């Protein structure tokens, strides 16, 4: 091809130049810049305007300030009574949620409201004296005393896997990053994904094959924990902390976010399959004269299955032809025709 003909080609039609796909973090930054860097603010959520103690500290962007009221949430949905679980010490896991009785598939285990809610993604300020999380730590340290004593104690009893610096804000944010569960607010104009810390549901341990799931309802500000399959008494109620990825990415994300390597039954190496019983005929136990390789039993089994399907189709065709012949021979008697066609055998 000459240089003149090359110059006539529209390179954009060939997908050139190749633009690298933007990372999720860059897309988040672009969304925030488009929104004009909306500011963060602390929302104190109450059941009614006359409630003395708030049930939640909600750190939200300003696009949600006028979409959801601070008070007037009302009481949370009723949970099963008595609760079908208890918090117990589980060997190898610490504290966990264990079923007290048999739980059916889809059954509600618990409704619960968060103590702390914060945005899952935000622009970090590296120049903050406390580091990239410093802004959130300052806000939570200022607002945490507004919670009741019960809520504060329940929150501080949760497990923290993040590094500590000794400040209250750092501890609050570390607990939030360790125990936060997905809470989505669809009225957000820019970033609807938040994370909420729940006093009981956040105690559920992780499994790559969980028997329970949690779903957040933004209208009631409550999380519903429900079973995905039958749960036996004494069985631990577990959720998944990460998306259902392949083994290596899943383990990497768990190690990076929660500092542990999952050893659940779904992560244990599977046992090797039992080898098929060798056939006794000498043809199957001797090497092929041309390739000097033994017969591929897997391919042979596949071909045998195909032949079986072909034979079944041929059987059906033959039965249909016999039925047609019966129709031609006995077209004067409809009853006899039906009897002949239904009793045909190959």
C-alpha atoms as a PDB file:
ATOM      1  CA  UNK A   1       0.000   0.000   0.000  1.00  0.00           C
ATOM      2  CA  UNK A   2       1.375   3.419  -0.953  1.00  0.00           C
ATOM      3  CA  UNK A   3       1.634   6.377   1.391  1.00  0.00           C
ATOM      4  CA  UNK A   4      -1.046   8.255  -0.579  1.00  0.00           C
ATOM      5  CA  UNK A   5      -3.587   5.434  -0.173  1.00  0.00           C
ATOM      6  CA  UNK A   6      -2.684   5.131   3.512  1.00  0.00           C
ATOM      7  CA  UNK A   7      -3.404   8.801   4.057  1.00  0.00           C
ATOM      8  CA  UNK A   8      -6.873   8.442   2.549  1.00  0.00           C
ATOM      9  CA  UNK A   9      -7.965   5.914   5.174  1.00  0.00           C
ATOM     10  CA  UNK A  10      -9.970   7.285   8.065  1.00  0.00           C
ATOM     11  CA  UNK A  11      -8.063   5.952  11.074  1.00  0.00           C
ATOM     12  CA  UNK A  12     -11.003   6.628  13.371  1.00  0.00           C
ATOM     13  CA  UNK A  13     -13.012   4.004  11.457  1.00  0.00           C
ATOM     14  CA  UNK A  14     -10.405   1.456  12.493  1.00  0.00           C
ATOM     15  CA  UNK A  15     -10.673   2.376  16.157  1.00  0.00           C
ATOM     16  CA  UNK A  16      -7.453   4.414  16.178  1.00  0.00           C
ATOM     17  CA  UNK A  17      -6.128   5.930  18.322  1.00  0.00           C
ATOM     18  CA  UNK A  18      -6.799   3.395  21.060  1.00  0.00           C
ATOM     19  CA  UNK A  19      -7.912   5.148  24.223  1.00  0.00           C
ATOM     20  CA  UNK A  20      -7.267   3.430  27.523  1.00  0.00           C
ATOM     21  CA  UNK A  21     -10.375   2.723  29.568  1.00  0.00           C
ATOM     22  CA  UNK A  22     -10.709   5.024  32.538  1.00  0.00           C
ATOM     23  CA  UNK A  23     -10.351   3.452  35.952  1.00  0.00           C
ATOM     24  CA  UNK A  24     -13.293   3.578  38.397  1.00  0.00           C
ATOM     25  CA  UNK A  25     -11.402   6.049  40.591  1.00  0.00           C
ATOM     26  CA  UNK A  26     -10.898   8.444  37.678  1.00  0.00           C
ATOM     27  CA  UNK A  27     -14.582   8.164  36.772  1.00  0.00           C
ATOM     28  CA  UNK A  28     -15.527   8.962  40.367  1.00  0.00           C
ATOM     29  CA  UNK A  29     -13.219  11.976  40.367  1.00  0.00           C
ATOM     30  CA  UNK A  30     -14.721  13.160  37.089  1.00  0.00           C
ATOM     31  CA  UNK A  31     -18.235  12.834  38.506  1.00  0.00           C
ATOM     32  CA  UNK A  32     -17.319  14.854  41.570  1.00  0.00           C
ATOM     33  CA  UNK A  33     -15.627  17.547  39.504  1.00  0.00           C
ATOM     34  CA  UNK A  34     -18.693  17.717  37.241  1.00  0.00           C
ATOM     35  CA  UNK A  35     -20.817  18.186  40.339  1.00  0.00           C
ATOM     36  CA  UNK A  36     -18.609  21.080  41.378  1.00  0.00           C
ATOM     37  CA  UNK A  37     -17.030  19.162  44.273  1.00  0.00           C
ATOM     38  CA  UNK A  38     -20.161  18.950  46.446  1.00  0.00           C
ATOM     39  CA  UNK A  39     -19.416  19.373  50.104  1.00  0.00           C
ATOM     40  CA  UNK A  40     -19.904  16.760  52.797  1.00  0.00           C
ATOM     41  CA  UNK A  41     -22.134  17.323  55.782  1.00  0.00           C
ATOM     42  CA  UNK A  42     -23.187  15.414  58.896  1.00  0.00           C
ATOM     43  CA  UNK A  43     -26.858  14.411  59.078  1.00  0.00           C
ATOM     44  CA  UNK A  44     -28.292  13.328  62.445  1.00  0.00           C
ATOM     45  CA  UNK A  45     -31.172  10.913  61.781  1.00  0.00           C
ATOM     46  CA  UNK A  46     -34.029  10.545  64.288  1.00  0.00           C
ATOM     47  CA  UNK A  47     -37.257   8.560  64.341  1.00  0.00           C
ATOM     48  CA  UNK A  48     -39.306  11.661  65.192  1.00  0.00           C
ATOM     49  CA  UNK A  49     -38.605  15.323  65.730  1.00  0.00           C
ATOM     50  CA  UNK A  50     -39.157  14.763  69.461  1.00  0.00           C
ATOM     51  CA  UNK A  51     -36.635  11.910  69.755  1.00  0.00           C
ATOM     52  CA  UNK A  52     -33.870  12.697  72.216  1.00  0.00           C
ATOM     53  CA  UNK A  53     -31.271  10.286  70.814  1.00  0.00           C
ATOM     54  CA  UNK A  54     -30.552   9.926  67.078  1.00  0.00           C
ATOM     55  CA  UNK A  55     -30.140   6.427  65.693  1.00  0.00           C
ATOM     56  CA  UNK A  56     -27.640   7.274  62.956  1.00  0.00           C
ATOM     57  CA  UNK A  57     -24.869   9.667  61.947  1.00  0.00           C
ATOM     58  CA  UNK A  58     -25.116  10.045  58.161  1.00  0.00           C
ATOM     59  CA  UNK A  59     -22.210  11.672  56.373  1.00  0.00           C
ATOM     60  CA  UNK A  60     -23.754  12.699  53.036  1.00  0.00           C
ATOM     61  CA  UNK A  61     -23.044  14.884  50.036  1.00  0.00           C
ATOM     62  CA  UNK A  62     -25.114  18.033  49.716  1.00  0.00           C
ATOM     63  CA  UNK A  63     -27.184  16.657  46.811  1.00  0.00           C
ATOM     64  CA  UNK A  64     -29.013  14.464  49.356  1.00  0.00           C
ATOM     65  CA  UNK A  65     -29.540  17.066  52.061  1.00  0.00           C
ATOM     66  CA  UNK A  66     -32.941  18.104  50.700  1.00  0.00           C
ATOM     67  CA  UNK A  67     -33.943  14.645  49.427  1.00  0.00           C
ATOM     68  CA  UNK A  68     -34.120  12.928  52.810  1.00  0.00           C
ATOM     69  CA  UNK A  69     -35.230  14.472  56.084  1.00  0.00           C
ATOM     70  CA  UNK A  70     -33.089  14.247  59.202  1.00  0.00           C
ATOM     71  CA  UNK A  71     -36.014  13.271  61.435  1.00  0.00           C
ATOM     72  CA  UNK A  72     -39.396  11.655  60.912  1.00  0.00           C
ATOM     73  CA  UNK A  73     -38.072   8.260  59.818  1.00  0.00           C
ATOM     74  CA  UNK A  74     -40.470   6.497  62.156  1.00  0.00           C
ATOM     75  CA  UNK A  75     -39.808   3.167  63.861  1.00  0.00           C
ATOM     76  CA  UNK A  76     -37.901   0.495  61.913  1.00  0.00           C
ATOM     77  CA  UNK A  77     -39.718  -2.504  60.414  1.00  0.00           C
ATOM     78  CA  UNK A  78     -40.473  -5.242  62.918  1.00  0.00           C
ATOM     79  CA  UNK A  79     -38.035  -8.136  63.119  1.00  0.00           C
ATOM     80  CA  UNK A  80     -39.022 -11.731  63.958  1.00  0.00           C
ATOM     81  CA  UNK A  81     -39.659 -12.292  67.668  1.00  0.00           C
ATOM     82  CA  UNK A  82     -37.871 -14.025  69.269  1.00  0.00           C
ATOM     83  CA  UNK A  83     -34.850 -13.526  67.013  1.00  0.00           C
ATOM     84  CA  UNK A  84     -33.837 -16.727  65.167  1.00  0.00           C
ATOM     85  CA  UNK A  85     -30.155 -16.160  65.992  1.00  0.00           C
ATOM     86  CA  UNK A  86     -27.708 -15.282  68.738  1.00  0.00           C
ATOM     87  CA  UNK A  87     -24.259 -13.715  68.762  1.00  0.00           C
ATOM     88  CA  UNK A  88     -21.762 -16.368  69.844  1.00  0.00           C
ATOM     89  CA  UNK A  89     -18.029 -16.982  69.792  1.00  0.00           C
ATOM     90  CA  UNK A  90     -17.159 -19.109  66.770  1.00  0.00           C
ATOM     91  CA  UNK A  91     -13.826 -20.870  66.639  1.00  0.00           C
ATOM     92  CA  UNK A  92     -11.604 -19.333  63.989  1.00  0.00           C
ATOM     93  CA  UNK A  93     -13.971 -16.410  63.400  1.00  0.00           C
ATOM     94  CA  UNK A  94     -14.318 -14.543  66.685  1.00  0.00           C
ATOM     95  CA  UNK A  95     -17.896 -13.480  67.350  1.00  0.00           C
ATOM     96  CA  UNK A  96     -20.491 -14.454  64.782  1.00  0.00           C
ATOM     97  CA  UNK A  97     -24.217 -14.834  64.177  1.00  0.00           C
ATOM     98  CA  UNK A  98     -25.477 -18.383  64.775  1.00  0.00           C
ATOM     99  CA  UNK A  99     -28.972 -19.703  64.027  1.00  0.00           C
ATOM    100  CA  UNK A 100     -31.066 -20.727  67.059  1.00  0.00           C
ATOM    101  CA  UNK A 101     -33.617 -22.631  64.982  1.00  0.00           C
ATOM    102  CA  UNK A 102     -34.223 -23.793  61.445  1.00  0.00           C
ATOM    103  CA  UNK A 103     -34.549 -20.875  59.024  1.00  0.00           C
ATOM    104  CA  UNK A 104     -36.357 -21.298  55.701  1.00  0.00           C
ATOM    105  CA  UNK A 105     -35.187 -19.942  52.359  1.00  0.00           C
ATOM    106  CA  UNK A 106     -36.096 -16.267  51.944  1.00  0.00           C
ATOM    107  CA  UNK A 107     -37.098 -15.862  55.595  1.00  0.00           C
ATOM    108  CA  UNK A 108     -36.348 -12.514  57.220  1.00  0.00           C
ATOM    109  CA  UNK A 109     -33.738 -12.864  59.927  1.00  0.00           C
ATOM    110  CA  UNK A 110     -33.464  -9.243  61.049  1.00  0.00           C
ATOM    111  CA  UNK A 111     -34.381  -5.648  60.204  1.00  0.00           C
ATOM    112  CA  UNK A 112     -31.839  -3.146  61.458  1.00  0.00           C
ATOM    113  CA  UNK A 113     -30.869   0.494  61.044  1.00  0.00           C
ATOM    114  CA  UNK A 114     -27.309   1.742  60.703  1.00  0.00           C
ATOM    115  CA  UNK A 115     -25.395   3.631  63.358  1.00  0.00           C
ATOM    116  CA  UNK A 116     -23.027   5.270  60.879  1.00  0.00           C
ATOM    117  CA  UNK A 117     -23.364   5.913  57.120  1.00  0.00           C
ATOM    118  CA  UNK A 118     -20.622   7.381  54.935  1.00  0.00           C
ATOM    119  CA  UNK A 119     -19.949   7.695  51.168  1.00  0.00           C
ATOM    120  CA  UNK A 120     -18.145   4.712  49.722  1.00  0.00           C
ATOM    121  CA  UNK A 121     -16.194   6.925  47.310  1.00  0.00           C
ATOM    122  CA  UNK A 122     -14.944  10.461  47.752  1.00  0.00           C
ATOM    123  CA  UNK A 123     -11.988  12.651  46.839  1.00  0.00           C
ATOM    124  CA  UNK A 124      -9.217  12.251  49.386  1.00  0.00           C
ATOM    125  CA  UNK A 125      -7.270  15.257  50.571  1.00  0.00           C
ATOM    126  CA  UNK A 126      -3.676  14.124  50.835  1.00  0.00           C
ATOM    127  CA  UNK A 127      -2.620  17.433  52.377  1.00  0.00           C
ATOM    128  CA  UNK A 128      -4.813  16.907  55.452  1.00  0.00           C
ATOM    129  CA  UNK A 129      -2.751  16.616  58.674  1.00  0.00           C
ATOM    130  CA  UNK A 130      -4.375  13.251  59.437  1.00  0.00           C
ATOM    131  CA  UNK A 131      -3.966  11.841  55.945  1.00  0.00           C
ATOM    132  CA  UNK A 132      -6.468  10.941  53.230  1.00  0.00           C
ATOM    133  CA  UNK A 133      -9.219   9.994  55.713  1.00  0.00           C
ATOM    134  CA  UNK A 134      -8.656  13.053  57.875  1.00  0.00           C
ATOM    135  CA  UNK A 135     -11.707  15.001  56.688  1.00  0.00           C
ATOM    136  CA  UNK A 136     -14.083  12.156  57.521  1.00  0.00           C
ATOM    137  CA  UNK A 137     -12.353  11.533  60.838  1.00  0.00           C
ATOM    138  CA  UNK A 138     -12.859  15.175  61.854  1.00  0.00           C
ATOM    139  CA  UNK A 139     -16.557  15.071  60.975  1.00  0.00           C
ATOM    140  CA  UNK A 140     -17.210  11.840  62.860  1.00  0.00           C
ATOM    141  CA  UNK A 141     -15.206  12.906  65.874  1.00  0.00           C
ATOM    142  CA  UNK A 142     -17.346  16.049  66.113  1.00  0.00           C
ATOM    143  CA  UNK A 143     -20.676  14.258  65.602  1.00  0.00           C
ATOM    144  CA  UNK A 144     -20.134  10.983  67.496  1.00  0.00           C
ATOM    145  CA  UNK A 145     -21.096  12.377  70.937  1.00  0.00           C
ATOM    146  CA  UNK A 146     -24.586  13.141  69.576  1.00  0.00           C
ATOM    147  CA  UNK A 147     -25.377   9.410  69.536  1.00  0.00           C
ATOM    148  CA  UNK A 148     -26.888   7.746  72.581  1.00  0.00           C
ATOM    149  CA  UNK A 149     -24.707   5.793  74.977  1.00  0.00           C
ATOM    150  CA  UNK A 150     -26.136   2.473  73.775  1.00  0.00           C
ATOM    151  CA  UNK A 151     -25.393   3.240  70.107  1.00  0.00           C
ATOM    152  CA  UNK A 152     -21.873   4.423  70.921  1.00  0.00           C
ATOM    153  CA  UNK A 153     -21.041   1.308  72.945  1.00  0.00           C
ATOM    154  CA  UNK A 154     -22.463  -1.058  70.301  1.00  0.00           C
ATOM    155  CA  UNK A 155     -20.446   0.670  67.622  1.00  0.00           C
ATOM    156  CA  UNK A 156     -17.147   0.641  69.531  1.00  0.00           C
ATOM    157  CA  UNK A 157     -17.505  -3.094  70.283  1.00  0.00           C
ATOM    158  CA  UNK A 158     -17.186  -4.022  66.606  1.00  0.00           C
ATOM    159  CA  UNK A 159     -13.979  -5.410  65.133  1.00  0.00           C
ATOM    160  CA  UNK A 160     -11.438  -3.030  63.568  1.00  0.00           C
ATOM    161  CA  UNK A 161      -8.775  -4.235  61.115  1.00  0.00           C
ATOM    162  CA  UNK A 162      -7.475  -0.797  60.118  1.00  0.00           C
ATOM    163  CA  UNK A 163      -4.383   0.870  61.597  1.00  0.00           C
ATOM    164  CA  UNK A 164      -4.972   3.046  64.653  1.00  0.00           C
ATOM    165  CA  UNK A 165      -3.378   6.406  65.429  1.00  0.00           C
ATOM    166  CA  UNK A 166      -4.930   6.930  68.854  1.00  0.00           C
ATOM    167  CA  UNK A 167      -7.611   9.494  67.968  1.00  0.00           C
ATOM    168  CA  UNK A 168     -11.354   8.911  68.313  1.00  0.00           C
ATOM    169  CA  UNK A 169     -12.011   9.950  64.719  1.00  0.00           C
ATOM    170  CA  UNK A 170      -9.455   7.463  63.435  1.00  0.00           C
ATOM    171  CA  UNK A 171     -11.062   4.635  65.427  1.00  0.00           C
ATOM    172  CA  UNK A 172     -14.566   5.554  64.254  1.00  0.00           C
ATOM    173  CA  UNK A 173     -13.465   5.661  60.619  1.00  0.00           C
ATOM    174  CA  UNK A 174     -11.489   2.427  60.946  1.00  0.00           C
ATOM    175  CA  UNK A 175     -14.569   0.663  62.318  1.00  0.00           C
ATOM    176  CA  UNK A 176     -16.641   2.095  59.483  1.00  0.00           C
ATOM    177  CA  UNK A 177     -14.208   0.895  56.805  1.00  0.00           C
ATOM    178  CA  UNK A 178     -14.028  -2.570  58.393  1.00  0.00           C
ATOM    179  CA  UNK A 179     -17.750  -3.146  58.972  1.00  0.00           C
ATOM    180  CA  UNK A 180     -19.484  -1.030  56.304  1.00  0.00           C
ATOM    181  CA  UNK A 181     -22.152  -2.714  54.169  1.00  0.00           C
ATOM    182  CA  UNK A 182     -23.535  -1.434  50.871  1.00  0.00           C
ATOM    183  CA  UNK A 183     -26.349   1.125  51.260  1.00  0.00           C
ATOM    184  CA  UNK A 184     -27.614   2.823  48.095  1.00  0.00           C
ATOM    185  CA  UNK A 185     -29.546   6.105  47.914  1.00  0.00           C
ATOM    186  CA  UNK A 186     -31.019   6.374  44.435  1.00  0.00           C
ATOM    187  CA  UNK A 187     -32.042  10.026  44.762  1.00  0.00           C
ATOM    188  CA  UNK A 188     -28.415  11.065  44.585  1.00  0.00           C
ATOM    189  CA  UNK A 189     -27.552  13.038  41.456  1.00  0.00           C
ATOM    190  CA  UNK A 190     -23.916  11.955  41.388  1.00  0.00           C
ATOM    191  CA  UNK A 191     -22.771   9.164  43.718  1.00  0.00           C
ATOM    192  CA  UNK A 192     -25.560   7.012  45.201  1.00  0.00           C
ATOM    193  CA  UNK A 193     -23.319   4.360  46.772  1.00  0.00           C
ATOM    194  CA  UNK A 194     -22.762   4.644  50.526  1.00  0.00           C
ATOM    195  CA  UNK A 195     -21.718   2.244  53.280  1.00  0.00           C
ATOM    196  CA  UNK A 196     -23.519   1.690  56.568  1.00  0.00           C
ATOM    197  CA  UNK A 197     -22.379   0.120  59.831  1.00  0.00           C
ATOM    198  CA  UNK A 198     -25.016  -1.973  61.596  1.00  0.00           C
ATOM    199  CA  UNK A 199     -24.693  -3.102  65.232  1.00  0.00           C
ATOM    200  CA  UNK A 200     -25.739  -6.725  64.569  1.00  0.00           C
ATOM    201  CA  UNK A 201     -25.734  -7.406  60.819  1.00  0.00           C
ATOM    202  CA  UNK A 202     -22.160  -6.130  60.573  1.00  0.00           C
ATOM    203  CA  UNK A 203     -21.165  -8.978  62.896  1.00  0.00           C
ATOM    204  CA  UNK A 204     -21.968 -11.556  60.201  1.00  0.00           C
ATOM    205  CA  UNK A 205     -18.789 -13.267  59.088  1.00  0.00           C
ATOM    206  CA  UNK A 206     -17.754 -13.795  55.479  1.00  0.00           C
ATOM    207  CA  UNK A 207     -18.221 -16.814  53.237  1.00  0.00           C
ATOM    208  CA  UNK A 208     -17.650 -17.077  49.490  1.00  0.00           C
ATOM    209  CA  UNK A 209     -20.803 -19.226  49.412  1.00  0.00           C
ATOM    210  CA  UNK A 210     -23.014 -17.288  51.844  1.00  0.00           C
ATOM    211  CA  UNK A 211     -26.286 -18.587  53.232  1.00  0.00           C
ATOM    212  CA  UNK A 212     -27.696 -15.073  53.801  1.00  0.00           C
ATOM    213  CA  UNK A 213     -27.844 -11.694  52.068  1.00  0.00           C
ATOM    214  CA  UNK A 214     -28.510  -8.129  53.185  1.00  0.00           C
ATOM    215  CA  UNK A 215     -30.620  -5.621  51.230  1.00  0.00           C
ATOM    216  CA  UNK A 216     -30.974  -1.949  52.141  1.00  0.00           C
ATOM    217  CA  UNK A 217     -34.238   0.023  51.883  1.00  0.00           C
ATOM    218  CA  UNK A 218     -33.596   3.749  51.562  1.00  0.00           C
ATOM    219  CA  UNK A 219     -37.220   4.659  52.343  1.00  0.00           C
ATOM    220  CA  UNK A 220     -37.158   3.080  55.799  1.00  0.00           C
ATOM    221  CA  UNK A 221     -33.417   3.540  56.355  1.00  0.00           C
ATOM    222  CA  UNK A 222     -33.199  -0.128  57.349  1.00  0.00           C
ATOM    223  CA  UNK A 223     -31.298  -3.207  56.216  1.00  0.00           C
ATOM    224  CA  UNK A 224     -33.062  -6.555  55.793  1.00  0.00           C
ATOM    225  CA  UNK A 225     -31.038  -9.678  56.471  1.00  0.00           C
ATOM    226  CA  UNK A 226     -32.627 -12.763  54.896  1.00  0.00           C
ATOM    227  CA  UNK A 227     -31.635 -16.354  54.168  1.00  0.00           C
ATOM    228  CA  UNK A 228     -30.602 -17.509  50.702  1.00  0.00           C
ATOM    229  CA  UNK A 229     -31.077 -21.197  51.480  1.00  0.00           C
ATOM    230  CA  UNK A 230     -32.282 -23.288  54.438  1.00  0.00           C
ATOM    231  CA  UNK A 231     -30.139 -22.715  57.542  1.00  0.00           C
ATOM    232  CA  UNK A 232     -29.931 -25.447  60.172  1.00  0.00           C
ATOM    233  CA  UNK A 233     -29.910 -24.786  63.924  1.00  0.00           C
ATOM    234  CA  UNK A 234     -26.374 -24.141  65.128  1.00  0.00           C
ATOM    235  CA  UNK A 235     -25.186 -23.111  61.653  1.00  0.00           C
ATOM    236  CA  UNK A 236     -23.405 -19.799  61.329  1.00  0.00           C
ATOM    237  CA  UNK A 237     -25.261 -17.106  59.363  1.00  0.00           C
ATOM    238  CA  UNK A 238     -22.787 -15.680  56.851  1.00  0.00           C
ATOM    239  CA  UNK A 239     -22.761 -13.080  54.091  1.00  0.00           C
ATOM    240  CA  UNK A 240     -20.251 -12.227  51.367  1.00  0.00           C
ATOM    241  CA  UNK A 241     -18.018  -9.188  51.797  1.00  0.00           C
ATOM    242  CA  UNK A 242     -16.987  -9.034  48.131  1.00  0.00           C
ATOM    243  CA  UNK A 243     -18.495  -9.595  44.702  1.00  0.00           C
ATOM    244  CA  UNK A 244     -18.573 -13.200  43.402  1.00  0.00           C
ATOM    245  CA  UNK A 245     -15.229 -13.050  41.601  1.00  0.00           C
ATOM    246  CA  UNK A 246     -12.824 -15.787  40.599  1.00  0.00           C
ATOM    247  CA  UNK A 247     -10.676 -17.284  43.335  1.00  0.00           C
ATOM    248  CA  UNK A 248      -7.512 -15.196  42.939  1.00  0.00           C
ATOM    249  CA  UNK A 249      -9.169 -11.717  42.614  1.00  0.00           C
ATOM    250  CA  UNK A 250     -11.530 -12.580  45.462  1.00  0.00           C
ATOM    251  CA  UNK A 251      -8.708 -13.537  47.789  1.00  0.00           C
ATOM    252  CA  UNK A 252      -6.705 -10.462  46.798  1.00  0.00           C
ATOM    253  CA  UNK A 253      -9.605  -8.128  47.598  1.00  0.00           C
ATOM    254  CA  UNK A 254     -10.278  -9.787  50.954  1.00  0.00           C
ATOM    255  CA  UNK A 255      -6.592  -9.566  51.853  1.00  0.00           C
ATOM    256  CA  UNK A 256      -6.365  -5.918  50.827  1.00  0.00           C
ATOM    257  CA  UNK A 257      -9.582  -4.711  52.492  1.00  0.00           C
ATOM    258  CA  UNK A 258      -9.948  -7.003  55.497  1.00  0.00           C
ATOM    259  CA  UNK A 259      -6.455  -8.464  56.022  1.00  0.00           C
ATOM    260  CA  UNK A 260      -7.433 -12.142  55.979  1.00  0.00           C
ATOM    261  CA  UNK A 261      -7.300 -15.084  53.612  1.00  0.00           C
ATOM    262  CA  UNK A 262     -10.596 -16.894  53.199  1.00  0.00           C
ATOM    263  CA  UNK A 263     -10.494 -20.612  54.005  1.00  0.00           C
ATOM    264  CA  UNK A 264     -14.203 -21.410  53.649  1.00  0.00           C
ATOM    265  CA  UNK A 265     -15.372 -24.601  51.945  1.00  0.00           C
ATOM    266  CA  UNK A 266     -15.682 -22.745  48.631  1.00  0.00           C
ATOM    267  CA  UNK A 267     -12.010 -21.743  48.747  1.00  0.00           C
ATOM    268  CA  UNK A 268     -10.575 -25.148  49.677  1.00  0.00           C
ATOM    269  CA  UNK A 269      -8.972 -27.056  46.806  1.00  0.00           C
ATOM    270  CA  UNK A 270     -11.319 -29.616  45.330  1.00  0.00           C
ATOM    271  CA  UNK A 271     -10.473 -33.310  45.488  1.00  0.00           C
ATOM    272  CA  UNK A 272      -9.177 -34.842  42.260  1.00  0.00           C
ATOM    273  CA  UNK A 273     -11.827 -36.715  40.343  1.00  0.00           C
ATOM    274  CA  UNK A 274     -11.779 -40.494  40.494  1.00  0.00           C
ATOM    275  CA  UNK A 275     -10.105 -41.944  37.394  1.00  0.00           C
ATOM    276  CA  UNK A 276     -12.395 -43.920  35.137  1.00  0.00           C
ATOM    277  CA  UNK A 277     -12.139 -47.703  35.265  1.00  0.00           C
ATOM    278  CA  UNK A 278      -9.888 -48.974  32.463  1.00  0.00           C
ATOM    279  CA  UNK A 279     -11.593 -51.053  29.794  1.00  0.00           C
ATOM    280  CA  UNK A 280     -10.527 -54.673  29.498  1.00  0.00           C
ATOM    281  CA  UNK A 281     -10.530 -54.939  25.701  1.00  0.00           C
ATOM    282  CA  UNK A 282      -6.933 -54.851  24.399  1.00  0.00           C
ATOM    283  CA  UNK A 283      -7.840 -52.149  21.847  1.00  0.00           C
ATOM    284  CA  UNK A 284      -8.401 -49.611  24.645  1.00  0.00           C
ATOM    285  CA  UNK A 285      -5.268 -50.579  26.559  1.00  0.00           C
ATOM    286  CA  UNK A 286      -2.800 -50.340  23.682  1.00  0.00           C
ATOM    287  CA  UNK A 287      -1.352 -47.250  22.048  1.00  0.00           C
ATOM    288  CA  UNK A 288      -2.549 -46.102  18.638  1.00  0.00           C
ATOM    289  CA  UNK A 289      -0.218 -47.372  15.922  1.00  0.00           C
ATOM    290  CA  UNK A 290      -0.136 -43.991  14.135  1.00  0.00           C
ATOM    291  CA  UNK A 291       0.118 -41.460  16.981  1.00  0.00           C
ATOM    292  CA  UNK A 292       1.505 -43.785  19.668  1.00  0.00           C
ATOM    293  CA  UNK A 293      -1.071 -42.315  22.065  1.00  0.00           C
ATOM    294  CA  UNK A 294      -3.797 -44.008  23.990  1.00  0.00           C
ATOM    295  CA  UNK A 295      -7.448 -43.457  23.178  1.00  0.00           C
ATOM    296  CA  UNK A 296      -8.968 -40.211  24.484  1.00  0.00           C
ATOM    297  CA  UNK A 297     -11.756 -41.608  26.691  1.00  0.00           C
ATOM    298  CA  UNK A 298     -13.352 -38.196  27.242  1.00  0.00           C
ATOM    299  CA  UNK A 299     -13.718 -37.630  23.515  1.00  0.00           C
ATOM    300  CA  UNK A 300     -14.992 -41.176  23.066  1.00  0.00           C
ATOM    301  CA  UNK A 301     -17.654 -40.654  25.729  1.00  0.00           C
ATOM    302  CA  UNK A 302     -18.737 -37.426  24.025  1.00  0.00           C
ATOM    303  CA  UNK A 303     -19.006 -39.164  20.651  1.00  0.00           C
ATOM    304  CA  UNK A 304     -20.939 -42.022  22.237  1.00  0.00           C
ATOM    305  CA  UNK A 305     -23.416 -39.484  23.670  1.00  0.00           C
ATOM    306  CA  UNK A 306     -23.843 -37.917  20.216  1.00  0.00           C
ATOM    307  CA  UNK A 307     -24.450 -41.315  18.648  1.00  0.00           C
ATOM    308  CA  UNK A 308     -27.042 -42.014  21.322  1.00  0.00           C
ATOM    309  CA  UNK A 309     -28.911 -38.823  20.429  1.00  0.00           C
ATOM    310  CA  UNK A 310     -28.771 -39.643  16.723  1.00  0.00           C
ATOM    311  CA  UNK A 311     -30.131 -43.129  17.401  1.00  0.00           C
ATOM    312  CA  UNK A 312     -33.003 -41.724  19.470  1.00  0.00           C
ATOM    313  CA  UNK A 313     -33.955 -39.375  16.595  1.00  0.00           C
ATOM    314  CA  UNK A 314     -33.835 -42.260  14.142  1.00  0.00           C
ATOM    315  CA  UNK A 315     -36.032 -44.321  16.462  1.00  0.00           C
ATOM    316  CA  UNK A 316     -38.550 -41.474  16.554  1.00  0.00           C
ATOM    317  CA  UNK A 317     -38.564 -41.221  12.743  1.00  0.00           C
ATOM    318  CA  UNK A 318     -39.132 -44.948  12.388  1.00  0.00           C
ATOM    319  CA  UNK A 319     -41.981 -44.914  14.880  1.00  0.00           C
ATOM    320  CA  UNK A 320     -43.576 -42.000  13.046  1.00  0.00           C
ATOM    321  CA  UNK A 321     -43.305 -43.830   9.711  1.00  0.00           C
ATOM    322  CA  UNK A 322     -44.904 -46.918  11.205  1.00  0.00           C
ATOM    323  CA  UNK A 323     -47.708 -44.770  12.542  1.00  0.00           C
ATOM    324  CA  UNK A 324     -48.162 -43.233   9.088  1.00  0.00           C
ATOM    325  CA  UNK A 325     -48.320 -46.666   7.509  1.00  0.00           C
ATOM    326  CA  UNK A 326     -50.915 -47.657  10.051  1.00  0.00           C
ATOM    327  CA  UNK A 327     -52.931 -44.591   9.144  1.00  0.00           C
ATOM    328  CA  UNK A 328     -52.841 -45.479   5.436  1.00  0.00           C
ATOM    329  CA  UNK A 329     -53.832 -49.075   6.077  1.00  0.00           C
ATOM    330  CA  UNK A 330     -56.649 -48.296   8.534  1.00  0.00           C
ATOM    331  CA  UNK A 331     -57.802 -44.831   7.496  1.00  0.00           C
ATOM    332  CA  UNK A 332     -61.396 -46.078   7.666  1.00  0.00           C
ATOM    333  CA  UNK A 333     -61.240 -46.656  11.427  1.00  0.00           C
ATOM    334  CA  UNK A 334     -59.959 -43.637  13.421  1.00  0.00           C
ATOM    335  CA  UNK A 335     -60.057 -45.522  16.716  1.00  0.00           C
ATOM    336  CA  UNK A 336     -57.948 -48.346  15.367  1.00  0.00           C
ATOM    337  CA  UNK A 337     -55.448 -45.872  13.926  1.00  0.00           C
ATOM    338  CA  UNK A 338     -54.859 -44.244  17.314  1.00  0.00           C
ATOM    339  CA  UNK A 339     -54.403 -47.604  18.968  1.00  0.00           C
ATOM    340  CA  UNK A 340     -51.863 -48.701  16.373  1.00  0.00           C
ATOM    341  CA  UNK A 341     -49.851 -45.493  16.599  1.00  0.00           C
ATOM    342  CA  UNK A 342     -49.639 -45.572  20.383  1.00  0.00           C
ATOM    343  CA  UNK A 343     -48.483 -49.180  20.671  1.00  0.00           C
ATOM    344  CA  UNK A 344     -45.613 -49.007  18.240  1.00  0.00           C
ATOM    345  CA  UNK A 345     -42.241 -50.209  19.495  1.00  0.00           C
ATOM    346  CA  UNK A 346     -38.806 -50.054  17.930  1.00  0.00           C
END
